[in-house]
Amino acid sequence: MGGMSPLGRFILIVMLWGVRFTALAVAAAFALVIWQKQLSADAPGLIRQDAVFLAILAVVFVAALWFSRAIAREVQRSSL
């Protein structure tokens, strides 16, 4: 079988960096919520809605890392 076209490889690389940026942005949002709720003296502690939001962010972060790993494997496979 033939290898991947250069355009397909380029699109995968752009997707890889986009997913990595998304994971970074989700981690920053997670850290911001923790900082806002736990480290600020004026803010109340974590409430149920905050915990649910943090759980959703954690799931999105793990999914982004998983998708990033799959894309990286495809890019590596196409370069062989």
C-alpha atoms as a PDB file:
ATOM      1  CA  MET A   1       0.000   0.000   0.000  1.00  0.00           C
ATOM      2  CA  GLY A   2       1.096   3.554  -0.651  1.00  0.00           C
ATOM      3  CA  GLY A   3       1.876   6.068   2.010  1.00  0.00           C
ATOM      4  CA  MET A   4      -0.241   8.996   3.029  1.00  0.00           C
ATOM      5  CA  SER A   5      -0.410  12.054   0.809  1.00  0.00           C
ATOM      6  CA  PRO A   6       1.518  15.143   1.930  1.00  0.00           C
ATOM      7  CA  LEU A   7      -1.729  17.074   2.362  1.00  0.00           C
ATOM      8  CA  GLY A   8      -3.197  14.342   4.583  1.00  0.00           C
ATOM      9  CA  ARG A   9      -0.037  14.283   6.679  1.00  0.00           C
ATOM     10  CA  PHE A  10      -0.109  18.079   6.985  1.00  0.00           C
ATOM     11  CA  ILE A  11      -3.751  18.012   8.113  1.00  0.00           C
ATOM     12  CA  LEU A  12      -2.951  15.374  10.725  1.00  0.00           C
ATOM     13  CA  ILE A  13      -0.041  17.432  12.053  1.00  0.00           C
ATOM     14  CA  VAL A  14      -2.251  20.534  12.291  1.00  0.00           C
ATOM     15  CA  MET A  15      -4.900  18.471  14.084  1.00  0.00           C
ATOM     16  CA  LEU A  16      -2.257  17.120  16.457  1.00  0.00           C
ATOM     17  CA  TRP A  17      -1.116  20.596  17.455  1.00  0.00           C
ATOM     18  CA  GLY A  18      -4.724  21.771  17.748  1.00  0.00           C
ATOM     19  CA  VAL A  19      -5.625  18.915  20.084  1.00  0.00           C
ATOM     20  CA  ARG A  20      -2.493  19.533  22.147  1.00  0.00           C
ATOM     21  CA  PHE A  21      -3.409  23.219  22.435  1.00  0.00           C
ATOM     22  CA  THR A  22      -6.932  22.221  23.473  1.00  0.00           C
ATOM     23  CA  ALA A  23      -5.545  19.969  26.204  1.00  0.00           C
ATOM     24  CA  LEU A  24      -3.360  22.837  27.414  1.00  0.00           C
ATOM     25  CA  ALA A  25      -6.322  25.237  27.439  1.00  0.00           C
ATOM     26  CA  VAL A  26      -8.457  22.753  29.381  1.00  0.00           C
ATOM     27  CA  ALA A  27      -5.649  22.278  31.918  1.00  0.00           C
ATOM     28  CA  ALA A  28      -5.387  26.063  32.269  1.00  0.00           C
ATOM     29  CA  ALA A  29      -9.136  26.346  32.852  1.00  0.00           C
ATOM     30  CA  PHE A  30      -8.922  23.568  35.456  1.00  0.00           C
ATOM     31  CA  ALA A  31      -6.087  25.364  37.228  1.00  0.00           C
ATOM     32  CA  LEU A  32      -7.948  28.673  37.073  1.00  0.00           C
ATOM     33  CA  VAL A  33     -11.043  27.215  38.735  1.00  0.00           C
ATOM     34  CA  ILE A  34      -8.939  25.579  41.446  1.00  0.00           C
ATOM     35  CA  TRP A  35      -7.018  28.813  42.008  1.00  0.00           C
ATOM     36  CA  GLN A  36     -10.192  30.884  42.071  1.00  0.00           C
ATOM     37  CA  LYS A  37     -12.078  28.617  44.481  1.00  0.00           C
ATOM     38  CA  GLN A  38      -9.373  27.253  46.763  1.00  0.00           C
ATOM     39  CA  LEU A  39      -6.571  29.776  46.957  1.00  0.00           C
ATOM     40  CA  SER A  40      -8.582  32.989  47.052  1.00  0.00           C
ATOM     41  CA  ALA A  41      -9.529  34.063  50.572  1.00  0.00           C
ATOM     42  CA  ASP A  42     -12.716  35.842  49.459  1.00  0.00           C
ATOM     43  CA  ALA A  43     -14.225  32.989  47.460  1.00  0.00           C
ATOM     44  CA  PRO A  44     -16.279  30.229  49.035  1.00  0.00           C
ATOM     45  CA  GLY A  45     -14.972  26.681  48.746  1.00  0.00           C
ATOM     46  CA  LEU A  46     -15.854  24.237  46.041  1.00  0.00           C
ATOM     47  CA  ILE A  47     -19.558  23.645  45.608  1.00  0.00           C
ATOM     48  CA  ARG A  48     -21.250  20.792  43.787  1.00  0.00           C
ATOM     49  CA  GLN A  49     -21.448  22.660  40.467  1.00  0.00           C
ATOM     50  CA  ASP A  50     -17.711  23.378  40.619  1.00  0.00           C
ATOM     51  CA  ALA A  51     -16.933  19.727  41.224  1.00  0.00           C
ATOM     52  CA  VAL A  52     -19.108  18.687  38.272  1.00  0.00           C
ATOM     53  CA  PHE A  53     -17.421  21.273  36.041  1.00  0.00           C
ATOM     54  CA  LEU A  54     -13.976  20.069  37.125  1.00  0.00           C
ATOM     55  CA  ALA A  55     -14.991  16.456  36.438  1.00  0.00           C
ATOM     56  CA  ILE A  56     -16.133  17.398  32.934  1.00  0.00           C
ATOM     57  CA  LEU A  57     -12.865  19.262  32.336  1.00  0.00           C
ATOM     58  CA  ALA A  58     -10.905  16.226  33.515  1.00  0.00           C
ATOM     59  CA  VAL A  59     -12.791  13.946  31.110  1.00  0.00           C
ATOM     60  CA  VAL A  60     -12.228  16.371  28.205  1.00  0.00           C
ATOM     61  CA  PHE A  61      -8.517  16.612  29.108  1.00  0.00           C
ATOM     62  CA  VAL A  62      -8.078  12.832  29.150  1.00  0.00           C
ATOM     63  CA  ALA A  63     -10.002  12.507  25.869  1.00  0.00           C
ATOM     64  CA  ALA A  64      -7.811  15.170  24.248  1.00  0.00           C
ATOM     65  CA  LEU A  65      -4.649  13.389  25.371  1.00  0.00           C
ATOM     66  CA  TRP A  66      -5.986  10.070  24.111  1.00  0.00           C
ATOM     67  CA  PHE A  67      -6.927  11.581  20.739  1.00  0.00           C
ATOM     68  CA  SER A  68      -3.546  13.314  20.533  1.00  0.00           C
ATOM     69  CA  ARG A  69      -1.788   9.993  21.099  1.00  0.00           C
ATOM     70  CA  ALA A  70      -3.834   8.345  18.348  1.00  0.00           C
ATOM     71  CA  ILE A  71      -3.071  11.145  15.885  1.00  0.00           C
ATOM     72  CA  ALA A  72       0.641  11.004  16.765  1.00  0.00           C
ATOM     73  CA  ARG A  73       0.670   7.264  16.018  1.00  0.00           C
ATOM     74  CA  GLU A  74      -0.954   7.860  12.633  1.00  0.00           C
ATOM     75  CA  VAL A  75       1.551  10.596  11.776  1.00  0.00           C
ATOM     76  CA  GLN A  76       4.408   8.329  12.791  1.00  0.00           C
ATOM     77  CA  ARG A  77       2.956   5.424  10.810  1.00  0.00           C
ATOM     78  CA  SER A  78       2.595   7.604   7.711  1.00  0.00           C
ATOM     79  CA  SER A  79       6.245   8.629   7.838  1.00  0.00           C
ATOM     80  CA  LEU A  80       7.456   5.023   7.616  1.00  0.00           C
END
